[in-house]
Amino acid sequence: MHPATFPCINKETNSREDLETMRRFVLSVLALSAVCGAAMVSLPTLRLAATAADDQSVLQTDREFVQAAAKDEKARVATLLDTDFTWTDSDGKTQTRSEVLKSLPAPALGNETGADLKQRSYGQVSAVMSGRSKTYVLRIWVKRPAGWRLLVYHEVALGRQAPTASGPGVKDCENPCKTLPYKPRNEAEQAIVASWQALETGVTNHDASMWSPHIAEEFTMLGSSNDHPLTKADRIATINLQKQTGFGAAPAPLVSAQMFDFGDAVVMICHHQPYSGKPVHVSRLWIKRDGHWVMSISYQTTVQAAPAKAS
């Protein structure tokens, strides 16, 4: 006898196998979608967590520096300083890393008890700003392979220097608006120079609408000739007032500059000589936001030991 065949049973068996195969495929797709979806959701969370961890690391390291500097612990301070570190005190005296470690300057705020502390993080660069009464300190930390290192320590004593006219009688800004004694080393620095020259041209022309696009919304400016920290809104109000009064506002010409590049953040250290009065040491922080370079922080300290230029 030949075994009987049952086509309907074979068909049903094949259908079941096909359904099982399809079920496994659908489950695999759903599982993959769930994993991918979780990854997409978690990436911003991971970035926030990484930023928060960096913030805490910077603040802890900053606190260690403040305490060590206040106690004159040079050995500990040395481990926290970048090779390009500079210390500028409230008199405008700037010292290099080696000079500082020979004789550690006394911090203007001591151990900073009771000081107001603010931090801003921009990827590989973090700025810590501390202030009490009329004395303020900017510390710019940069992320190196070995960890966070202090690149800039800059003190400002508000109201220390009487305001002087930036450029009385000067109608055209040559330096820094058109030419500079500094050659940009790369595309980022070229873009920063262009942004800086545009904003300084806006200042010269009393044009706040030209100045504003090159300034971050969180902009902070402190100087020896100011009686309080200035915001972006403060500077716009000043530019508009100068437009009404015709006050000379040509910016102080640049004497020298250094730039330190860290991805989307660049630290700019400058020395300016106003048209009259003493030179000024300036620390600026530029950040790349929405494809454009804008200035976020500017600390300006008059060099008290230098001779004043006659107007």
C-alpha atoms as a PDB file:
ATOM      1  CA  MET A   1       0.000   0.000   0.000  1.00  0.00           C
ATOM      2  CA  HIS A   2       1.082   3.447  -0.676  1.00  0.00           C
ATOM      3  CA  PRO A   3       0.776   5.855   2.161  1.00  0.00           C
ATOM      4  CA  ALA A   4      -2.072   8.250   1.765  1.00  0.00           C
ATOM      5  CA  THR A   5      -1.250  11.887   1.154  1.00  0.00           C
ATOM      6  CA  PHE A   6      -3.133  14.750   2.799  1.00  0.00           C
ATOM      7  CA  PRO A   7      -2.443  17.969   0.878  1.00  0.00           C
ATOM      8  CA  CYS A   8      -4.609  20.003   3.235  1.00  0.00           C
ATOM      9  CA  ILE A   9      -2.526  18.960   6.246  1.00  0.00           C
ATOM     10  CA  ASN A  10       0.756  19.789   4.465  1.00  0.00           C
ATOM     11  CA  LYS A  11      -0.642  23.181   3.495  1.00  0.00           C
ATOM     12  CA  GLU A  12      -1.706  23.879   7.066  1.00  0.00           C
ATOM     13  CA  THR A  13       1.697  22.836   8.400  1.00  0.00           C
ATOM     14  CA  ASN A  14       3.451  25.141   5.950  1.00  0.00           C
ATOM     15  CA  SER A  15       1.155  27.984   6.929  1.00  0.00           C
ATOM     16  CA  ARG A  16       1.973  27.494  10.581  1.00  0.00           C
ATOM     17  CA  GLU A  17       5.688  27.516   9.808  1.00  0.00           C
ATOM     18  CA  ASP A  18       5.264  30.687   7.761  1.00  0.00           C
ATOM     19  CA  LEU A  19       3.332  32.335  10.591  1.00  0.00           C
ATOM     20  CA  GLU A  20       6.004  31.357  13.105  1.00  0.00           C
ATOM     21  CA  THR A  21       8.701  32.757  10.854  1.00  0.00           C
ATOM     22  CA  MET A  22       6.732  35.979  10.420  1.00  0.00           C
ATOM     23  CA  ARG A  23       6.114  36.201  14.184  1.00  0.00           C
ATOM     24  CA  ARG A  24       9.804  35.881  14.906  1.00  0.00           C
ATOM     25  CA  PHE A  25      10.610  38.512  12.298  1.00  0.00           C
ATOM     26  CA  VAL A  26       8.074  40.968  13.737  1.00  0.00           C
ATOM     27  CA  LEU A  27       9.347  40.406  17.265  1.00  0.00           C
ATOM     28  CA  SER A  28      12.908  40.986  16.088  1.00  0.00           C
ATOM     29  CA  VAL A  29      11.894  44.242  14.393  1.00  0.00           C
ATOM     30  CA  LEU A  30      10.004  45.390  17.487  1.00  0.00           C
ATOM     31  CA  ALA A  31      12.929  44.532  19.727  1.00  0.00           C
ATOM     32  CA  LEU A  32      15.353  46.388  17.460  1.00  0.00           C
ATOM     33  CA  SER A  33      13.019  49.393  17.347  1.00  0.00           C
ATOM     34  CA  ALA A  34      12.786  49.410  21.118  1.00  0.00           C
ATOM     35  CA  VAL A  35      16.563  49.319  21.461  1.00  0.00           C
ATOM     36  CA  CYS A  36      17.062  52.052  18.882  1.00  0.00           C
ATOM     37  CA  GLY A  37      14.311  54.147  20.429  1.00  0.00           C
ATOM     38  CA  ALA A  38      15.860  53.791  23.865  1.00  0.00           C
ATOM     39  CA  ALA A  39      19.234  54.768  22.465  1.00  0.00           C
ATOM     40  CA  MET A  40      17.759  57.836  20.786  1.00  0.00           C
ATOM     41  CA  VAL A  41      16.046  58.890  23.980  1.00  0.00           C
ATOM     42  CA  SER A  42      19.063  58.233  26.141  1.00  0.00           C
ATOM     43  CA  LEU A  43      21.655  60.144  24.084  1.00  0.00           C
ATOM     44  CA  PRO A  44      20.544  63.606  25.287  1.00  0.00           C
ATOM     45  CA  THR A  45      20.313  62.216  28.790  1.00  0.00           C
ATOM     46  CA  LEU A  46      23.826  60.823  28.533  1.00  0.00           C
ATOM     47  CA  ARG A  47      25.112  64.164  27.274  1.00  0.00           C
ATOM     48  CA  LEU A  48      23.437  65.989  30.148  1.00  0.00           C
ATOM     49  CA  ALA A  49      24.881  63.500  32.598  1.00  0.00           C
ATOM     50  CA  ALA A  50      28.358  63.938  31.113  1.00  0.00           C
ATOM     51  CA  THR A  51      28.050  67.731  31.288  1.00  0.00           C
ATOM     52  CA  ALA A  52      26.865  67.560  34.891  1.00  0.00           C
ATOM     53  CA  ALA A  53      29.788  65.300  35.766  1.00  0.00           C
ATOM     54  CA  ASP A  54      32.227  67.735  34.099  1.00  0.00           C
ATOM     55  CA  ASP A  55      30.657  70.652  35.965  1.00  0.00           C
ATOM     56  CA  GLN A  56      31.100  68.918  39.285  1.00  0.00           C
ATOM     57  CA  SER A  57      34.656  67.933  38.411  1.00  0.00           C
ATOM     58  CA  VAL A  58      35.532  71.528  37.486  1.00  0.00           C
ATOM     59  CA  LEU A  59      33.959  72.972  40.629  1.00  0.00           C
ATOM     60  CA  GLN A  60      35.774  70.456  42.813  1.00  0.00           C
ATOM     61  CA  THR A  61      39.100  71.162  41.113  1.00  0.00           C
ATOM     62  CA  ASP A  62      38.451  74.900  41.293  1.00  0.00           C
ATOM     63  CA  ARG A  63      37.760  74.653  45.002  1.00  0.00           C
ATOM     64  CA  GLU A  64      40.997  72.733  45.500  1.00  0.00           C
ATOM     65  CA  PHE A  65      42.895  75.483  43.706  1.00  0.00           C
ATOM     66  CA  VAL A  66      41.272  78.282  45.721  1.00  0.00           C
ATOM     67  CA  GLN A  67      42.061  76.575  49.023  1.00  0.00           C
ATOM     68  CA  ALA A  68      45.637  75.719  48.006  1.00  0.00           C
ATOM     69  CA  ALA A  69      46.329  79.242  46.705  1.00  0.00           C
ATOM     70  CA  ALA A  70      44.918  80.816  49.881  1.00  0.00           C
ATOM     71  CA  LYS A  71      47.213  78.585  51.977  1.00  0.00           C
ATOM     72  CA  ASP A  72      50.244  79.275  49.747  1.00  0.00           C
ATOM     73  CA  GLU A  73      50.566  75.575  48.882  1.00  0.00           C
ATOM     74  CA  LYS A  74      52.696  75.940  45.769  1.00  0.00           C
ATOM     75  CA  ALA A  75      53.210  72.223  45.234  1.00  0.00           C
ATOM     76  CA  ARG A  76      49.471  71.578  45.103  1.00  0.00           C
ATOM     77  CA  VAL A  77      48.801  74.652  42.974  1.00  0.00           C
ATOM     78  CA  ALA A  78      51.471  73.536  40.493  1.00  0.00           C
ATOM     79  CA  THR A  79      49.576  70.322  39.722  1.00  0.00           C
ATOM     80  CA  LEU A  80      46.496  72.319  38.687  1.00  0.00           C
ATOM     81  CA  LEU A  81      48.068  74.916  36.395  1.00  0.00           C
ATOM     82  CA  ASP A  82      48.210  74.622  32.607  1.00  0.00           C
ATOM     83  CA  THR A  83      51.588  75.066  30.925  1.00  0.00           C
ATOM     84  CA  ASP A  84      50.266  78.300  29.329  1.00  0.00           C
ATOM     85  CA  PHE A  85      48.813  79.596  32.598  1.00  0.00           C
ATOM     86  CA  THR A  86      48.837  83.321  33.433  1.00  0.00           C
ATOM     87  CA  TRP A  87      47.840  85.154  36.630  1.00  0.00           C
ATOM     88  CA  THR A  88      46.642  88.767  36.334  1.00  0.00           C
ATOM     89  CA  ASP A  89      46.063  90.590  39.617  1.00  0.00           C
ATOM     90  CA  SER A  90      43.802  93.571  40.297  1.00  0.00           C
ATOM     91  CA  ASP A  91      46.724  95.931  39.515  1.00  0.00           C
ATOM     92  CA  GLY A  92      46.960  94.475  36.026  1.00  0.00           C
ATOM     93  CA  LYS A  93      50.269  92.713  36.670  1.00  0.00           C
ATOM     94  CA  THR A  94      50.400  89.501  34.635  1.00  0.00           C
ATOM     95  CA  GLN A  95      52.697  86.607  35.533  1.00  0.00           C
ATOM     96  CA  THR A  96      53.454  83.312  33.822  1.00  0.00           C
ATOM     97  CA  ARG A  97      53.217  79.871  35.405  1.00  0.00           C
ATOM     98  CA  SER A  98      56.909  79.761  36.319  1.00  0.00           C
ATOM     99  CA  GLU A  99      56.799  83.255  37.819  1.00  0.00           C
ATOM    100  CA  VAL A 100      53.729  82.418  39.890  1.00  0.00           C
ATOM    101  CA  LEU A 101      55.261  79.245  41.267  1.00  0.00           C
ATOM    102  CA  LYS A 102      58.405  81.093  42.383  1.00  0.00           C
ATOM    103  CA  SER A 103      56.330  83.357  44.604  1.00  0.00           C
ATOM    104  CA  LEU A 104      52.617  82.602  44.778  1.00  0.00           C
ATOM    105  CA  PRO A 105      50.572  85.823  44.688  1.00  0.00           C
ATOM    106  CA  ALA A 106      47.969  86.381  47.393  1.00  0.00           C
ATOM    107  CA  PRO A 107      44.482  85.829  45.890  1.00  0.00           C
ATOM    108  CA  ALA A 108      42.355  88.988  46.051  1.00  0.00           C
ATOM    109  CA  LEU A 109      39.426  87.022  47.514  1.00  0.00           C
ATOM    110  CA  GLY A 110      41.476  84.784  49.826  1.00  0.00           C
ATOM    111  CA  ASN A 111      39.689  81.469  50.316  1.00  0.00           C
ATOM    112  CA  GLU A 112      36.547  83.076  48.850  1.00  0.00           C
ATOM    113  CA  THR A 113      34.366  82.647  51.919  1.00  0.00           C
ATOM    114  CA  GLY A 114      31.064  84.381  51.240  1.00  0.00           C
ATOM    115  CA  ALA A 115      31.889  85.041  47.579  1.00  0.00           C
ATOM    116  CA  ASP A 116      29.246  84.682  44.865  1.00  0.00           C
ATOM    117  CA  LEU A 117      30.222  81.861  42.496  1.00  0.00           C
ATOM    118  CA  LYS A 118      29.028  81.323  38.932  1.00  0.00           C
ATOM    119  CA  GLN A 119      30.073  78.698  36.414  1.00  0.00           C
ATOM    120  CA  ARG A 120      29.652  78.442  32.655  1.00  0.00           C
ATOM    121  CA  SER A 121      30.623  75.350  30.703  1.00  0.00           C
ATOM    122  CA  TYR A 122      31.407  75.292  26.994  1.00  0.00           C
ATOM    123  CA  GLY A 123      32.631  71.810  26.143  1.00  0.00           C
ATOM    124  CA  GLN A 124      36.384  71.696  26.741  1.00  0.00           C
ATOM    125  CA  VAL A 125      36.358  75.081  28.490  1.00  0.00           C
ATOM    126  CA  SER A 126      34.712  76.048  31.770  1.00  0.00           C
ATOM    127  CA  ALA A 127      34.673  79.543  33.270  1.00  0.00           C
ATOM    128  CA  VAL A 128      34.302  80.069  37.004  1.00  0.00           C
ATOM    129  CA  MET A 129      33.512  83.629  38.084  1.00  0.00           C
ATOM    130  CA  SER A 130      33.758  84.596  41.726  1.00  0.00           C
ATOM    131  CA  GLY A 131      32.948  87.954  43.270  1.00  0.00           C
ATOM    132  CA  ARG A 132      32.555  89.753  46.552  1.00  0.00           C
ATOM    133  CA  SER A 133      31.866  93.469  46.978  1.00  0.00           C
ATOM    134  CA  LYS A 134      33.859  95.220  44.203  1.00  0.00           C
ATOM    135  CA  THR A 135      36.422  92.456  43.651  1.00  0.00           C
ATOM    136  CA  TYR A 136      35.897  89.801  40.985  1.00  0.00           C
ATOM    137  CA  VAL A 137      37.959  86.861  39.743  1.00  0.00           C
ATOM    138  CA  LEU A 138      37.700  84.923  36.490  1.00  0.00           C
ATOM    139  CA  ARG A 139      39.213  81.451  36.296  1.00  0.00           C
ATOM    140  CA  ILE A 140      39.178  79.705  32.932  1.00  0.00           C
ATOM    141  CA  TRP A 141      39.670  75.945  33.113  1.00  0.00           C
ATOM    142  CA  VAL A 142      40.512  73.852  30.039  1.00  0.00           C
ATOM    143  CA  LYS A 143      40.154  70.122  29.608  1.00  0.00           C
ATOM    144  CA  ARG A 144      43.463  68.403  28.933  1.00  0.00           C
ATOM    145  CA  PRO A 145      44.112  64.634  28.603  1.00  0.00           C
ATOM    146  CA  ALA A 146      45.265  64.584  32.238  1.00  0.00           C
ATOM    147  CA  GLY A 147      42.182  66.465  33.467  1.00  0.00           C
ATOM    148  CA  TRP A 148      41.054  70.045  34.046  1.00  0.00           C
ATOM    149  CA  ARG A 149      43.852  72.608  34.160  1.00  0.00           C
ATOM    150  CA  LEU A 150      43.725  76.309  34.981  1.00  0.00           C
ATOM    151  CA  LEU A 151      44.653  78.462  31.965  1.00  0.00           C
ATOM    152  CA  VAL A 152      43.614  81.938  33.148  1.00  0.00           C
ATOM    153  CA  TYR A 153      43.356  83.593  36.557  1.00  0.00           C
ATOM    154  CA  HIS A 154      42.193  87.208  36.157  1.00  0.00           C
ATOM    155  CA  GLU A 155      41.256  89.698  38.891  1.00  0.00           C
ATOM    156  CA  VAL A 156      39.265  92.900  38.431  1.00  0.00           C
ATOM    157  CA  ALA A 157      38.680  95.579  41.072  1.00  0.00           C
ATOM    158  CA  LEU A 158      35.626  97.531  39.932  1.00  0.00           C
ATOM    159  CA  GLY A 159      35.951 101.304  40.016  1.00  0.00           C
ATOM    160  CA  ARG A 160      39.714 101.136  40.456  1.00  0.00           C
ATOM    161  CA  GLN A 161      40.331 103.301  37.397  1.00  0.00           C
ATOM    162  CA  ALA A 162      38.461 106.444  36.387  1.00  0.00           C
ATOM    163  CA  PRO A 163      36.790 106.090  32.955  1.00  0.00           C
ATOM    164  CA  THR A 164      38.597 107.750  30.065  1.00  0.00           C
ATOM    165  CA  ALA A 165      37.393 108.508  26.575  1.00  0.00           C
ATOM    166  CA  SER A 166      38.044 105.549  24.296  1.00  0.00           C
ATOM    167  CA  GLY A 167      38.891 107.602  21.243  1.00  0.00           C
ATOM    168  CA  PRO A 168      37.958 111.282  21.509  1.00  0.00           C
ATOM    169  CA  GLY A 169      37.921 112.868  18.077  1.00  0.00           C
ATOM    170  CA  VAL A 170      38.646 109.541  16.336  1.00  0.00           C
ATOM    171  CA  LYS A 171      36.021 108.962  13.660  1.00  0.00           C
ATOM    172  CA  ASP A 172      37.560 105.952  11.954  1.00  0.00           C
ATOM    173  CA  CYS A 173      38.674 102.809  13.754  1.00  0.00           C
ATOM    174  CA  GLU A 174      41.730 101.324  12.049  1.00  0.00           C
ATOM    175  CA  ASN A 175      42.962  98.991  14.821  1.00  0.00           C
ATOM    176  CA  PRO A 176      41.205  96.706  15.717  1.00  0.00           C
ATOM    177  CA  CYS A 177      38.337  97.330  13.238  1.00  0.00           C
ATOM    178  CA  LYS A 178      40.340  96.927  10.019  1.00  0.00           C
ATOM    179  CA  THR A 179      43.855  95.777  10.862  1.00  0.00           C
ATOM    180  CA  LEU A 180      45.411  93.833  13.731  1.00  0.00           C
ATOM    181  CA  PRO A 181      48.939  93.057  14.941  1.00  0.00           C
ATOM    182  CA  TYR A 182      47.857  89.411  15.075  1.00  0.00           C
ATOM    183  CA  LYS A 183      47.712  86.756  12.358  1.00  0.00           C
ATOM    184  CA  PRO A 184      44.973  84.118  12.788  1.00  0.00           C
ATOM    185  CA  ARG A 185      46.364  80.593  12.715  1.00  0.00           C
ATOM    186  CA  ASN A 186      43.276  78.755  11.494  1.00  0.00           C
ATOM    187  CA  GLU A 187      39.714  79.100  10.216  1.00  0.00           C
ATOM    188  CA  ALA A 188      38.212  79.435  13.709  1.00  0.00           C
ATOM    189  CA  GLU A 189      40.532  82.295  14.626  1.00  0.00           C
ATOM    190  CA  GLN A 190      39.829  84.007  11.300  1.00  0.00           C
ATOM    191  CA  ALA A 191      36.107  83.831  12.031  1.00  0.00           C
ATOM    192  CA  ILE A 192      36.639  85.195  15.542  1.00  0.00           C
ATOM    193  CA  VAL A 193      38.712  88.109  14.253  1.00  0.00           C
ATOM    194  CA  ALA A 194      35.988  88.894  11.711  1.00  0.00           C
ATOM    195  CA  SER A 195      33.331  88.782  14.424  1.00  0.00           C
ATOM    196  CA  TRP A 196      35.417  90.950  16.757  1.00  0.00           C
ATOM    197  CA  GLN A 197      36.143  93.541  14.074  1.00  0.00           C
ATOM    198  CA  ALA A 198      32.463  93.695  13.179  1.00  0.00           C
ATOM    199  CA  LEU A 199      31.366  94.301  16.778  1.00  0.00           C
ATOM    200  CA  GLU A 200      34.076  96.917  17.360  1.00  0.00           C
ATOM    201  CA  THR A 201      32.965  98.675  14.173  1.00  0.00           C
ATOM    202  CA  GLY A 202      29.482  98.672  15.644  1.00  0.00           C
ATOM    203  CA  VAL A 203      30.824 100.285  18.819  1.00  0.00           C
ATOM    204  CA  THR A 204      32.678 102.945  16.814  1.00  0.00           C
ATOM    205  CA  ASN A 205      29.583 103.743  14.755  1.00  0.00           C
ATOM    206  CA  HIS A 206      27.285 103.676  17.810  1.00  0.00           C
ATOM    207  CA  ASP A 207      25.324 100.897  16.092  1.00  0.00           C
ATOM    208  CA  ALA A 208      23.951  98.421  18.637  1.00  0.00           C
ATOM    209  CA  SER A 209      22.299  96.344  15.901  1.00  0.00           C
ATOM    210  CA  MET A 210      25.743  95.750  14.355  1.00  0.00           C
ATOM    211  CA  TRP A 211      27.335  94.948  17.729  1.00  0.00           C
ATOM    212  CA  SER A 212      24.637  92.687  19.182  1.00  0.00           C
ATOM    213  CA  PRO A 213      24.823  89.630  16.824  1.00  0.00           C
ATOM    214  CA  HIS A 214      28.418  89.024  17.867  1.00  0.00           C
ATOM    215  CA  ILE A 215      27.659  88.893  21.580  1.00  0.00           C
ATOM    216  CA  ALA A 216      26.254  85.929  23.541  1.00  0.00           C
ATOM    217  CA  GLU A 217      22.999  86.472  25.425  1.00  0.00           C
ATOM    218  CA  GLU A 218      24.750  85.579  28.708  1.00  0.00           C
ATOM    219  CA  PHE A 219      27.543  88.095  28.012  1.00  0.00           C
ATOM    220  CA  THR A 220      29.359  89.509  31.042  1.00  0.00           C
ATOM    221  CA  MET A 221      31.891  92.344  31.005  1.00  0.00           C
ATOM    222  CA  LEU A 222      33.880  93.635  33.965  1.00  0.00           C
ATOM    223  CA  GLY A 223      36.494  96.358  33.938  1.00  0.00           C
ATOM    224  CA  SER A 224      38.585  98.486  36.254  1.00  0.00           C
ATOM    225  CA  SER A 225      36.705 101.573  35.048  1.00  0.00           C
ATOM    226  CA  ASN A 226      33.210 100.101  35.588  1.00  0.00           C
ATOM    227  CA  ASP A 227      31.324 100.327  38.866  1.00  0.00           C
ATOM    228  CA  HIS A 228      29.344  97.117  38.277  1.00  0.00           C
ATOM    229  CA  PRO A 229      29.372  94.054  35.980  1.00  0.00           C
ATOM    230  CA  LEU A 230      27.815  94.827  32.594  1.00  0.00           C
ATOM    231  CA  THR A 231      25.352  92.603  30.746  1.00  0.00           C
ATOM    232  CA  LYS A 232      24.531  92.580  27.044  1.00  0.00           C
ATOM    233  CA  ALA A 233      21.526  94.826  27.726  1.00  0.00           C
ATOM    234  CA  ASP A 234      23.754  97.256  29.653  1.00  0.00           C
ATOM    235  CA  ARG A 235      26.191  97.546  26.768  1.00  0.00           C
ATOM    236  CA  ILE A 236      23.385  98.081  24.249  1.00  0.00           C
ATOM    237  CA  ALA A 237      22.013 100.878  26.428  1.00  0.00           C
ATOM    238  CA  THR A 238      25.494 102.451  26.607  1.00  0.00           C
ATOM    239  CA  ILE A 239      25.976 102.291  22.838  1.00  0.00           C
ATOM    240  CA  ASN A 240      22.565 103.882  22.274  1.00  0.00           C
ATOM    241  CA  LEU A 241      23.362 106.631  24.785  1.00  0.00           C
ATOM    242  CA  GLN A 242      26.695 107.323  23.077  1.00  0.00           C
ATOM    243  CA  LYS A 243      24.820 107.628  19.797  1.00  0.00           C
ATOM    244  CA  GLN A 244      22.620 110.316  21.313  1.00  0.00           C
ATOM    245  CA  THR A 245      25.467 112.262  22.934  1.00  0.00           C
ATOM    246  CA  GLY A 246      28.058 111.789  20.180  1.00  0.00           C
ATOM    247  CA  PHE A 247      30.555 110.482  22.739  1.00  0.00           C
ATOM    248  CA  GLY A 248      33.775 109.200  21.150  1.00  0.00           C
ATOM    249  CA  ALA A 249      33.746 105.419  21.316  1.00  0.00           C
ATOM    250  CA  ALA A 250      36.563 104.131  19.117  1.00  0.00           C
ATOM    251  CA  PRO A 251      37.907 100.995  20.891  1.00  0.00           C
ATOM    252  CA  ALA A 252      41.409 100.843  22.316  1.00  0.00           C
ATOM    253  CA  PRO A 253      43.911  99.616  19.711  1.00  0.00           C
ATOM    254  CA  LEU A 254      45.296  96.112  20.155  1.00  0.00           C
ATOM    255  CA  VAL A 255      48.971  95.806  21.066  1.00  0.00           C
ATOM    256  CA  SER A 256      49.283  92.020  21.293  1.00  0.00           C
ATOM    257  CA  ALA A 257      47.103  88.914  21.472  1.00  0.00           C
ATOM    258  CA  GLN A 258      47.126  85.173  22.065  1.00  0.00           C
ATOM    259  CA  MET A 259      44.424  82.656  21.245  1.00  0.00           C
ATOM    260  CA  PHE A 260      43.969  79.188  22.711  1.00  0.00           C
ATOM    261  CA  ASP A 261      41.645  76.942  20.700  1.00  0.00           C
ATOM    262  CA  PHE A 262      39.470  74.272  22.297  1.00  0.00           C
ATOM    263  CA  GLY A 263      36.937  73.139  19.720  1.00  0.00           C
ATOM    264  CA  ASP A 264      33.869  75.376  19.962  1.00  0.00           C
ATOM    265  CA  ALA A 265      35.478  77.635  22.569  1.00  0.00           C
ATOM    266  CA  VAL A 266      38.498  79.913  22.201  1.00  0.00           C
ATOM    267  CA  VAL A 267      40.269  81.839  24.953  1.00  0.00           C
ATOM    268  CA  MET A 268      41.645  85.196  23.805  1.00  0.00           C
ATOM    269  CA  ILE A 269      44.244  87.102  25.873  1.00  0.00           C
ATOM    270  CA  CYS A 270      44.907  90.683  24.793  1.00  0.00           C
ATOM    271  CA  HIS A 271      46.894  93.781  25.674  1.00  0.00           C
ATOM    272  CA  HIS A 272      45.369  97.117  24.617  1.00  0.00           C
ATOM    273  CA  GLN A 273      46.620 100.692  24.706  1.00  0.00           C
ATOM    274  CA  PRO A 274      43.753 103.225  24.830  1.00  0.00           C
ATOM    275  CA  TYR A 275      44.127 106.552  23.013  1.00  0.00           C
ATOM    276  CA  SER A 276      44.741 108.080  26.424  1.00  0.00           C
ATOM    277  CA  GLY A 277      45.531 106.569  29.815  1.00  0.00           C
ATOM    278  CA  LYS A 278      47.149 103.325  30.900  1.00  0.00           C
ATOM    279  CA  PRO A 279      47.168 100.024  28.998  1.00  0.00           C
ATOM    280  CA  VAL A 280      44.592  97.333  29.711  1.00  0.00           C
ATOM    281  CA  HIS A 281      44.954  93.565  30.023  1.00  0.00           C
ATOM    282  CA  VAL A 282      41.884  91.720  28.699  1.00  0.00           C
ATOM    283  CA  SER A 283      40.729  88.092  28.897  1.00  0.00           C
ATOM    284  CA  ARG A 284      37.931  87.128  26.511  1.00  0.00           C
ATOM    285  CA  LEU A 285      36.067  83.885  25.943  1.00  0.00           C
ATOM    286  CA  TRP A 286      34.575  83.182  22.519  1.00  0.00           C
ATOM    287  CA  ILE A 287      32.110  80.388  21.822  1.00  0.00           C
ATOM    288  CA  LYS A 288      30.715  78.944  18.596  1.00  0.00           C
ATOM    289  CA  ARG A 289      26.925  78.966  18.717  1.00  0.00           C
ATOM    290  CA  ASP A 290      24.642  78.091  15.790  1.00  0.00           C
ATOM    291  CA  GLY A 291      27.626  78.257  13.468  1.00  0.00           C
ATOM    292  CA  HIS A 292      28.723  81.731  14.556  1.00  0.00           C
ATOM    293  CA  TRP A 293      31.440  82.899  16.961  1.00  0.00           C
ATOM    294  CA  VAL A 294      30.180  85.170  19.746  1.00  0.00           C
ATOM    295  CA  MET A 295      31.870  86.728  22.761  1.00  0.00           C
ATOM    296  CA  SER A 296      30.665  85.373  26.091  1.00  0.00           C
ATOM    297  CA  ILE A 297      32.990  86.888  28.714  1.00  0.00           C
ATOM    298  CA  SER A 298      35.308  89.909  28.875  1.00  0.00           C
ATOM    299  CA  TYR A 299      37.420  90.825  31.932  1.00  0.00           C
ATOM    300  CA  GLN A 300      39.454  94.036  31.614  1.00  0.00           C
ATOM    301  CA  THR A 301      42.072  95.214  34.106  1.00  0.00           C
ATOM    302  CA  THR A 302      44.047  98.443  33.859  1.00  0.00           C
ATOM    303  CA  VAL A 303      47.807  97.991  34.196  1.00  0.00           C
ATOM    304  CA  GLN A 304      48.502 100.337  37.109  1.00  0.00           C
ATOM    305  CA  ALA A 305      52.308 100.177  36.937  1.00  0.00           C
ATOM    306  CA  ALA A 306      52.442 101.264  33.305  1.00  0.00           C
ATOM    307  CA  PRO A 307      52.788 104.926  32.296  1.00  0.00           C
ATOM    308  CA  ALA A 308      49.653 106.698  31.095  1.00  0.00           C
ATOM    309  CA  LYS A 309      49.487 107.779  27.459  1.00  0.00           C
ATOM    310  CA  ALA A 310      48.705 111.461  27.044  1.00  0.00           C
ATOM    311  CA  SER A 311      45.669 112.276  24.919  1.00  0.00           C
END
